[in-house]
Amino acid sequence: MRLIKTILAVCFAAVMVPMALHASSGAPQPPSQSWSHHGIFGSYDKAAAKRGAQVAVEICMGCHSISLVKFDQLRKLGFSEEEVKKLAELQGRTKIDRMTGAMDETSAKDSFGVVPPDLSLITKARKGYEDYTYAILNGYLSDAESELVKKVMADGEIAEQEALELQSALLIDTHDKAMVKAKLERLAGGANFNKYFPGNFLAMPQPMSGGQINYADGTENSLKQLSHDVVTFLAWAAEPTMEDRKSLGFWVLGYLFILTVLLYAVKRRIWAKVH
């Protein structure tokens, strides 16, 4: 009986502690997105990953590194050798170099106060995985939301209707008026607000916007599309052998199934006289 109580207590803690930590972070749950590589039968959208590599090199690597990947590995996504060379040259690298960012640590600290994290494993290192990374890229204030903040700040007081609008736009709890005012003051001071970042403020200004890159294949270049593509690429960068792993897994399962049948047949043969 004591063992059962202990097991139940551990299960309860396993469920409640993460929920409490998430609630204390003050960040809403990132909206769930559709990723082709999820699930046991999933595979990478190579076209999206290829476009995402372009976004990563032309935008993200201005500050961040993806150091576990070499430029030459991008050929697995469909880039030609000449295209790989051109992408590497954008960062002053060669095709055999790792994808290290252009900004050194000293410059990063001078600009942002912190060193931007390496993005090689970012889609696995954060709770929410790809959904979290996608949400961060889309979690900055739109022009309309920025205008709403300015309007509320001009009033000096937060009316009930304004509180509802802020709650919908910023995804924050507006019941604590002092906390809301403190956030608005930081916003007015030029701080970078993000709806999905724990605490809402981070050192990174909005890294990209719609129309910033033109795709050669004619795909739309909205912020959502750019974000989806670059997150798909980062998921590939974190585990480029995922498809091989899944394929091997099916072969292993097939082997184990056949082995089980054979062992059962052998068992029946050996113990036939007993049965």
Protein backbone atom coordinates (compact mmCIF):
# COMPACT_ATOMS: atom_id res chain seq x y z
CA MET A 1 0.00 0.00 0.00
CA ARG A 2 2.83 2.36 0.89
CA LEU A 3 4.50 1.60 -2.45
CA ILE A 4 1.31 2.49 -4.33
CA LYS A 5 1.03 5.80 -2.45
CA THR A 6 4.65 6.60 -3.26
CA ILE A 7 4.13 5.87 -6.96
CA LEU A 8 1.00 8.04 -7.05
CA ALA A 9 2.83 10.88 -5.29
CA VAL A 10 5.70 10.73 -7.79
CA CYS A 11 3.27 10.74 -10.74
CA PHE A 12 1.39 13.70 -9.27
CA ALA A 13 4.62 15.65 -8.78
CA ALA A 14 5.75 14.81 -12.32
CA VAL A 15 2.56 16.38 -13.67
CA MET A 16 2.16 19.35 -11.34
CA VAL A 17 5.75 20.61 -11.02
CA PRO A 18 6.21 21.35 -14.75
CA MET A 19 2.78 23.02 -14.80
CA ALA A 20 3.74 25.21 -11.84
CA LEU A 21 7.07 26.14 -13.41
CA HIS A 22 5.35 27.02 -16.68
CA ALA A 23 2.77 29.15 -14.88
CA SER A 24 5.47 30.97 -12.92
CA SER A 25 7.33 31.82 -16.13
CA GLY A 26 4.49 34.08 -17.20
CA ALA A 27 4.72 32.87 -20.80
CA PRO A 28 1.73 31.33 -22.60
CA GLN A 29 1.92 27.93 -24.26
CA PRO A 30 3.27 28.27 -27.83
CA PRO A 31 0.59 27.46 -30.42
CA SER A 32 1.00 24.03 -31.96
CA GLN A 33 2.25 24.03 -35.55
CA SER A 34 2.31 21.34 -38.22
CA TRP A 35 5.76 19.82 -38.85
CA SER A 36 6.20 17.18 -41.53
CA HIS A 37 9.04 15.47 -39.66
CA HIS A 38 7.02 14.70 -36.54
CA GLY A 39 5.68 11.21 -35.90
CA ILE A 40 7.22 7.81 -36.59
CA PHE A 41 6.56 8.13 -40.33
CA GLY A 42 7.57 11.81 -40.56
CA SER A 43 10.31 13.10 -42.83
CA TYR A 44 11.85 16.51 -43.39
CA ASP A 45 10.32 18.89 -45.89
CA LYS A 46 13.55 19.30 -47.84
CA ALA A 47 12.25 22.25 -49.87
CA ALA A 48 11.32 24.13 -46.67
CA ALA A 49 14.62 23.19 -45.01
CA LYS A 50 16.53 24.43 -48.06
CA ARG A 51 14.71 27.76 -47.94
CA GLY A 52 15.30 27.86 -44.18
CA ALA A 53 19.03 27.42 -44.70
CA GLN A 54 18.98 30.56 -46.82
CA VAL A 55 17.15 32.43 -44.04
CA ALA A 56 19.59 31.13 -41.45
CA VAL A 57 22.67 32.21 -43.41
CA GLU A 58 21.37 35.59 -44.58
CA ILE A 59 19.66 36.63 -41.33
CA CYS A 60 20.28 34.44 -38.28
CA MET A 61 24.02 34.03 -38.72
CA GLY A 62 24.53 37.76 -38.46
CA CYS A 63 24.53 37.08 -34.71
CA HIS A 64 24.11 33.34 -34.12
CA SER A 65 26.18 30.29 -34.97
CA ILE A 66 25.03 26.83 -36.06
CA SER A 67 28.40 25.33 -35.30
CA LEU A 68 27.48 21.63 -35.39
CA VAL A 69 26.80 21.89 -39.12
CA LYS A 70 29.30 22.50 -41.92
CA PHE A 71 28.35 24.48 -44.99
CA ASP A 72 29.17 21.48 -47.18
CA GLN A 73 26.45 19.45 -45.43
CA LEU A 74 23.84 21.75 -46.98
CA ARG A 75 24.20 19.75 -50.20
CA LYS A 76 22.03 17.12 -48.50
CA LEU A 77 19.17 19.63 -48.73
CA GLY A 78 19.54 20.02 -52.48
CA PHE A 79 22.07 22.86 -52.76
CA SER A 80 24.61 22.59 -55.53
CA GLU A 81 28.30 22.93 -54.72
CA GLU A 82 28.32 26.40 -56.27
CA GLU A 83 25.33 27.48 -54.15
CA VAL A 84 27.05 26.19 -51.02
CA LYS A 85 30.17 28.22 -51.86
CA LYS A 86 28.08 31.38 -52.29
CA LEU A 87 26.29 30.86 -48.97
CA ALA A 88 29.61 30.32 -47.20
CA GLU A 89 31.08 33.44 -48.79
CA LEU A 90 28.22 35.52 -47.36
CA GLN A 91 29.72 34.80 -43.93
CA GLY A 92 33.33 34.99 -45.06
CA ARG A 93 33.73 31.22 -44.86
CA THR A 94 34.56 28.33 -47.17
CA LYS A 95 32.37 25.30 -47.83
CA ILE A 96 34.38 23.10 -45.43
CA ASP A 97 33.96 25.53 -42.51
CA ARG A 98 31.41 25.18 -39.76
CA MET A 99 28.45 27.55 -39.80
CA THR A 100 29.81 30.01 -37.24
CA GLY A 101 28.28 33.47 -37.02
CA ALA A 102 29.92 36.68 -38.10
CA MET A 103 29.66 38.33 -34.65
CA ASP A 104 32.35 37.58 -32.06
CA GLU A 105 31.59 37.32 -28.34
CA THR A 106 32.99 40.75 -27.48
CA SER A 107 30.89 42.50 -30.12
CA ALA A 108 27.82 40.51 -29.04
CA LYS A 109 28.19 41.54 -25.41
CA ASP A 110 28.72 45.16 -26.41
CA SER A 111 25.59 45.10 -28.60
CA PHE A 112 23.19 42.92 -26.61
CA GLY A 113 24.76 42.40 -23.19
CA VAL A 114 24.81 38.63 -23.77
CA VAL A 115 26.30 36.19 -26.25
CA PRO A 116 23.61 34.92 -28.67
CA PRO A 117 23.11 31.16 -28.19
CA ASP A 118 24.28 28.63 -30.73
CA LEU A 119 21.25 27.46 -32.72
CA SER A 120 22.48 23.96 -33.57
CA LEU A 121 20.25 22.29 -30.97
CA ILE A 122 17.80 25.10 -30.23
CA THR A 123 14.75 23.13 -31.42
CA LYS A 124 15.56 20.40 -28.89
CA ALA A 125 16.92 22.53 -26.06
CA ARG A 126 13.75 24.52 -25.30
CA LYS A 127 10.44 23.28 -23.96
CA GLY A 128 7.99 23.39 -26.83
CA TYR A 129 10.73 22.45 -29.30
CA GLU A 130 9.97 23.68 -32.84
CA ASP A 131 6.72 25.30 -31.70
CA TYR A 132 8.60 27.44 -29.16
CA THR A 133 11.21 28.61 -31.66
CA TYR A 134 8.51 29.44 -34.20
CA ALA A 135 6.48 31.29 -31.54
CA ILE A 136 9.47 33.41 -30.50
CA LEU A 137 10.04 34.52 -34.10
CA ASN A 138 6.37 35.51 -34.39
CA GLY A 139 5.89 36.76 -30.83
CA TYR A 140 7.07 40.35 -31.26
CA LEU A 141 4.54 43.17 -31.36
CA SER A 142 2.86 44.01 -34.64
CA ASP A 143 2.42 47.64 -35.70
CA ALA A 144 -1.20 47.58 -34.50
CA GLU A 145 -0.20 46.16 -31.12
CA SER A 146 2.53 48.77 -30.74
CA GLU A 147 -0.02 51.50 -31.45
CA LEU A 148 -2.29 50.04 -28.77
CA VAL A 149 0.55 50.19 -26.24
CA LYS A 150 1.26 53.82 -27.14
CA LYS A 151 -2.42 54.66 -26.76
CA VAL A 152 -2.61 53.10 -23.30
CA MET A 153 0.60 54.81 -22.22
CA ALA A 154 -0.73 58.18 -23.39
CA ASP A 155 -3.82 57.78 -21.21
CA GLY A 156 -1.77 57.13 -18.10
CA GLU A 157 -4.46 54.82 -16.76
CA ILE A 158 -5.54 51.38 -17.89
CA ALA A 159 -9.29 51.34 -18.47
CA GLU A 160 -11.24 48.08 -18.37
CA GLN A 161 -11.61 47.94 -22.14
CA GLU A 162 -7.92 48.74 -22.63
CA ALA A 163 -7.01 45.97 -20.19
CA LEU A 164 -9.01 43.47 -22.25
CA GLU A 165 -7.35 44.67 -25.45
CA LEU A 166 -3.90 44.41 -23.88
CA GLN A 167 -4.63 40.93 -22.59
CA SER A 168 -5.64 39.81 -26.07
CA ALA A 169 -2.75 41.54 -27.85
CA LEU A 170 0.12 40.91 -25.44
CA LEU A 171 -1.10 37.59 -23.96
CA ILE A 172 -0.46 38.78 -20.41
CA ASP A 173 -2.58 38.73 -17.27
CA THR A 174 -3.89 42.28 -16.85
CA HIS A 175 -5.40 41.81 -13.38
CA ASP A 176 -2.17 43.00 -11.77
CA LYS A 177 -2.22 46.61 -12.96
CA ALA A 178 1.14 47.44 -11.35
CA MET A 179 2.83 44.61 -13.23
CA VAL A 180 1.18 45.67 -16.50
CA LYS A 181 2.32 49.27 -16.03
CA ALA A 182 5.87 48.10 -15.32
CA LYS A 183 5.89 46.10 -18.57
CA LEU A 184 4.48 49.04 -20.53
CA GLU A 185 7.14 51.34 -19.09
CA ARG A 186 9.86 48.92 -20.17
CA LEU A 187 8.28 48.81 -23.62
CA ALA A 188 8.24 52.60 -23.77
CA GLY A 189 11.92 52.55 -22.84
CA GLY A 190 12.73 50.50 -25.93
CA ALA A 191 12.92 47.02 -24.40
CA ASN A 192 12.25 44.05 -26.67
CA PHE A 193 8.87 42.49 -25.81
CA ASN A 194 7.95 38.97 -26.86
CA LYS A 195 4.66 37.28 -26.01
CA TYR A 196 6.13 33.79 -25.70
CA PHE A 197 9.45 34.47 -23.99
CA PRO A 198 9.42 33.76 -20.22
CA GLY A 199 9.22 37.16 -18.55
CA ASN A 200 8.36 38.73 -21.93
CA PHE A 201 11.60 40.71 -22.34
CA LEU A 202 14.74 39.52 -24.08
CA ALA A 203 17.95 40.98 -25.47
CA MET A 204 17.23 40.05 -29.09
CA PRO A 205 15.30 42.63 -31.13
CA GLN A 206 12.92 41.30 -33.76
CA PRO A 207 15.30 39.36 -36.03
CA MET A 208 13.24 39.18 -39.21
CA SER A 209 10.17 40.53 -40.94
CA GLY A 210 8.09 39.58 -43.94
CA GLY A 211 9.64 40.39 -47.30
CA GLN A 212 13.17 40.44 -45.94
CA ILE A 213 14.25 37.60 -48.22
CA ASN A 214 13.13 36.63 -51.71
CA TYR A 215 12.94 32.93 -52.47
CA ALA A 216 14.17 31.69 -55.84
CA ASP A 217 11.33 29.16 -56.07
CA GLY A 218 8.68 31.87 -55.75
CA THR A 219 7.41 30.81 -52.32
CA GLU A 220 5.74 33.63 -50.39
CA ASN A 221 8.11 35.46 -48.04
CA SER A 222 5.76 36.36 -45.19
CA LEU A 223 7.09 36.33 -41.63
CA LYS A 224 5.20 33.11 -40.88
CA GLN A 225 6.65 31.40 -43.94
CA LEU A 226 10.20 32.56 -43.20
CA SER A 227 9.82 31.39 -39.60
CA HIS A 228 8.41 27.99 -40.58
CA ASP A 229 11.21 27.43 -43.08
CA VAL A 230 14.07 28.42 -40.80
CA VAL A 231 12.69 26.33 -37.92
CA THR A 232 12.41 23.35 -40.28
CA PHE A 233 16.07 23.88 -41.19
CA LEU A 234 17.08 24.16 -37.52
CA ALA A 235 15.22 20.93 -36.77
CA TRP A 236 17.23 19.27 -39.55
CA ALA A 237 20.45 20.83 -38.22
CA ALA A 238 19.73 19.40 -34.77
CA GLU A 239 19.27 15.87 -36.14
CA PRO A 240 20.25 15.47 -39.80
CA THR A 241 20.22 11.67 -39.43
CA MET A 242 16.63 11.46 -38.14
CA GLU A 243 15.25 9.85 -41.30
CA ASP A 244 18.01 7.21 -41.26
CA ARG A 245 17.25 6.53 -37.59
CA LYS A 246 13.55 6.02 -38.27
CA SER A 247 14.26 3.80 -41.27
CA LEU A 248 16.65 1.68 -39.22
CA GLY A 249 14.03 1.46 -36.47
CA PHE A 250 11.54 -0.18 -38.83
CA TRP A 251 14.15 -2.71 -39.94
CA VAL A 252 14.95 -3.49 -36.29
CA LEU A 253 11.26 -3.95 -35.46
CA GLY A 254 10.87 -6.25 -38.47
CA TYR A 255 13.92 -8.25 -37.41
CA LEU A 256 12.63 -8.57 -33.84
CA PHE A 257 9.23 -9.71 -35.09
CA ILE A 258 10.74 -12.44 -37.27
CA LEU A 259 13.09 -13.46 -34.43
CA THR A 260 10.13 -13.70 -32.05
CA VAL A 261 8.24 -15.97 -34.47
CA LEU A 262 11.31 -18.20 -34.93
CA LEU A 263 11.99 -18.44 -31.20
CA TYR A 264 8.36 -19.31 -30.56
CA ALA A 265 8.53 -22.04 -33.20
CA VAL A 266 11.74 -23.41 -31.66
CA LYS A 267 10.16 -23.35 -28.21
CA ARG A 268 7.14 -25.30 -29.50
CA ARG A 269 9.45 -27.85 -31.12
CA ILE A 270 11.63 -28.34 -28.04
CA TRP A 271 8.72 -28.60 -25.60
CA ALA A 272 6.36 -30.47 -27.92
CA LYS A 273 6.44 -33.69 -25.87
CA VAL A 274 5.72 -31.81 -22.63
CA HIS A 275 2.75 -29.95 -24.15
